[in-house]
Amino acid sequence: MRIDKRHTLRDVVGEKMLLIQGRTDAEKTKVIAFNESSAMLWEAFLDKDFTVEEVKQKLLDTYEVDEATAANDAAQWVKTLQEHKIIL
């Protein structure tokens, strides 16, 4: 999978935010706030193909977390991006 480059992570008053413009008049613009680890993952995997396993490994390499926590967080990060059609 790969992050869709049509989306840009922005710094809004010191917070990392992703703005997802509605595609039709009926759809609202969505704002997703990224915490430090989500923003780090975004930067690490932007312009690269990646797997959930690679996301988990990046979390393990960067933070002092156990493997189960890293696996859960990686899966949740990917799921959230998929739900919002941010990754291809």
C-alpha atoms as a PDB file:
ATOM      1  CA  MET A   1       0.000   0.000   0.000  1.00  0.00           C
ATOM      2  CA  ARG A   2       1.016   3.618  -0.436  1.00  0.00           C
ATOM      3  CA  ILE A   3      -0.104   7.007   0.896  1.00  0.00           C
ATOM      4  CA  ASP A   4      -2.150   8.886  -1.695  1.00  0.00           C
ATOM      5  CA  LYS A   5      -0.052  11.968  -2.511  1.00  0.00           C
ATOM      6  CA  ARG A   6      -3.167  14.074  -3.067  1.00  0.00           C
ATOM      7  CA  HIS A   7      -3.300  14.418   0.724  1.00  0.00           C
ATOM      8  CA  THR A   8      -0.889  16.674   2.568  1.00  0.00           C
ATOM      9  CA  LEU A   9      -0.114  16.690   6.260  1.00  0.00           C
ATOM     10  CA  ARG A  10      -0.186  20.303   7.423  1.00  0.00           C
ATOM     11  CA  ASP A  11       1.072  22.086  10.505  1.00  0.00           C
ATOM     12  CA  VAL A  12      -1.872  24.021  11.961  1.00  0.00           C
ATOM     13  CA  VAL A  13      -0.965  26.054  15.038  1.00  0.00           C
ATOM     14  CA  GLY A  14       1.681  23.518  16.040  1.00  0.00           C
ATOM     15  CA  GLU A  15      -0.559  20.485  15.429  1.00  0.00           C
ATOM     16  CA  LYS A  16      -0.213  18.074  12.518  1.00  0.00           C
ATOM     17  CA  MET A  17      -3.515  17.873  10.634  1.00  0.00           C
ATOM     18  CA  LEU A  18      -4.727  16.160   7.511  1.00  0.00           C
ATOM     19  CA  LEU A  19      -7.526  17.957   5.686  1.00  0.00           C
ATOM     20  CA  ILE A  20      -9.699  15.758   3.483  1.00  0.00           C
ATOM     21  CA  GLN A  21     -11.813  17.830   1.138  1.00  0.00           C
ATOM     22  CA  GLY A  22     -15.306  16.489   0.453  1.00  0.00           C
ATOM     23  CA  ARG A  23     -15.636  15.256  -3.116  1.00  0.00           C
ATOM     24  CA  THR A  24     -19.281  16.270  -3.558  1.00  0.00           C
ATOM     25  CA  ASP A  25     -21.483  19.044  -2.223  1.00  0.00           C
ATOM     26  CA  ALA A  26     -23.008  16.607   0.259  1.00  0.00           C
ATOM     27  CA  GLU A  27     -19.654  15.489   1.689  1.00  0.00           C
ATOM     28  CA  LYS A  28     -18.103  17.542   4.428  1.00  0.00           C
ATOM     29  CA  THR A  29     -14.424  18.321   4.731  1.00  0.00           C
ATOM     30  CA  LYS A  30     -12.819  16.055   7.328  1.00  0.00           C
ATOM     31  CA  VAL A  31      -9.956  16.968   9.612  1.00  0.00           C
ATOM     32  CA  ILE A  32      -7.789  14.235  11.096  1.00  0.00           C
ATOM     33  CA  ALA A  33      -5.418  15.256  13.873  1.00  0.00           C
ATOM     34  CA  PHE A  34      -2.145  13.333  13.958  1.00  0.00           C
ATOM     35  CA  ASN A  35      -0.265  12.714  17.172  1.00  0.00           C
ATOM     36  CA  GLU A  36       3.528  12.572  17.219  1.00  0.00           C
ATOM     37  CA  SER A  37       3.770   8.894  16.279  1.00  0.00           C
ATOM     38  CA  SER A  38       1.158   9.154  13.503  1.00  0.00           C
ATOM     39  CA  ALA A  39       3.001  12.112  11.984  1.00  0.00           C
ATOM     40  CA  MET A  40       6.322  10.241  12.245  1.00  0.00           C
ATOM     41  CA  LEU A  41       4.799   7.258  10.419  1.00  0.00           C
ATOM     42  CA  TRP A  42       3.368   9.551   7.728  1.00  0.00           C
ATOM     43  CA  GLU A  43       6.782  11.086   7.092  1.00  0.00           C
ATOM     44  CA  ALA A  44       8.516   7.688   7.175  1.00  0.00           C
ATOM     45  CA  PHE A  45       6.208   6.069   4.614  1.00  0.00           C
ATOM     46  CA  LEU A  46       5.343   8.986   2.337  1.00  0.00           C
ATOM     47  CA  ASP A  47       6.340   8.124  -1.249  1.00  0.00           C
ATOM     48  CA  LYS A  48       7.023   4.463  -0.334  1.00  0.00           C
ATOM     49  CA  ASP A  49       5.163   1.211  -0.599  1.00  0.00           C
ATOM     50  CA  PHE A  50       4.722  -0.313   2.853  1.00  0.00           C
ATOM     51  CA  THR A  51       3.049  -3.089   4.803  1.00  0.00           C
ATOM     52  CA  VAL A  52       1.488  -3.193   8.249  1.00  0.00           C
ATOM     53  CA  GLU A  53       4.492  -5.263   9.341  1.00  0.00           C
ATOM     54  CA  GLU A  54       6.856  -2.472   8.258  1.00  0.00           C
ATOM     55  CA  VAL A  55       4.781   0.083  10.164  1.00  0.00           C
ATOM     56  CA  LYS A  56       4.966  -2.139  13.252  1.00  0.00           C
ATOM     57  CA  GLN A  57       8.738  -2.452  12.893  1.00  0.00           C
ATOM     58  CA  LYS A  58       9.131   1.328  12.556  1.00  0.00           C
ATOM     59  CA  LEU A  59       7.212   1.766  15.814  1.00  0.00           C
ATOM     60  CA  LEU A  60       9.402  -0.836  17.531  1.00  0.00           C
ATOM     61  CA  ASP A  61      12.560   0.848  16.234  1.00  0.00           C
ATOM     62  CA  THR A  62      11.435   4.337  17.292  1.00  0.00           C
ATOM     63  CA  TYR A  63       9.600   3.848  20.589  1.00  0.00           C
ATOM     64  CA  GLU A  64      10.024   1.677  23.649  1.00  0.00           C
ATOM     65  CA  VAL A  65       6.891  -0.406  23.167  1.00  0.00           C
ATOM     66  CA  ASP A  66       6.243  -4.124  23.235  1.00  0.00           C
ATOM     67  CA  GLU A  67       5.541  -6.033  20.036  1.00  0.00           C
ATOM     68  CA  ALA A  68       1.816  -6.477  20.736  1.00  0.00           C
ATOM     69  CA  THR A  69       1.317  -2.750  21.275  1.00  0.00           C
ATOM     70  CA  ALA A  70       3.286  -1.904  18.124  1.00  0.00           C
ATOM     71  CA  ALA A  71       1.269  -4.430  16.099  1.00  0.00           C
ATOM     72  CA  ASN A  72      -2.029  -3.063  17.389  1.00  0.00           C
ATOM     73  CA  ASP A  73      -1.019   0.572  16.803  1.00  0.00           C
ATOM     74  CA  ALA A  74       0.276  -0.200  13.294  1.00  0.00           C
ATOM     75  CA  ALA A  75      -2.925  -2.005  12.351  1.00  0.00           C
ATOM     76  CA  GLN A  76      -5.057   0.834  13.722  1.00  0.00           C
ATOM     77  CA  TRP A  77      -3.040   3.503  11.888  1.00  0.00           C
ATOM     78  CA  VAL A  78      -3.391   1.656   8.583  1.00  0.00           C
ATOM     79  CA  LYS A  79      -7.098   0.947   9.189  1.00  0.00           C
ATOM     80  CA  THR A  80      -7.809   4.628   9.859  1.00  0.00           C
ATOM     81  CA  LEU A  81      -6.017   5.686   6.686  1.00  0.00           C
ATOM     82  CA  GLN A  82      -7.884   3.039   4.677  1.00  0.00           C
ATOM     83  CA  GLU A  83     -11.247   4.097   6.103  1.00  0.00           C
ATOM     84  CA  HIS A  84     -10.630   7.643   4.889  1.00  0.00           C
ATOM     85  CA  LYS A  85      -9.235   6.465   1.525  1.00  0.00           C
ATOM     86  CA  ILE A  86      -5.870   8.030   2.257  1.00  0.00           C
ATOM     87  CA  ILE A  87      -3.835   4.991   1.230  1.00  0.00           C
ATOM     88  CA  LEU A  88      -4.024   3.131  -2.048  1.00  0.00           C
END
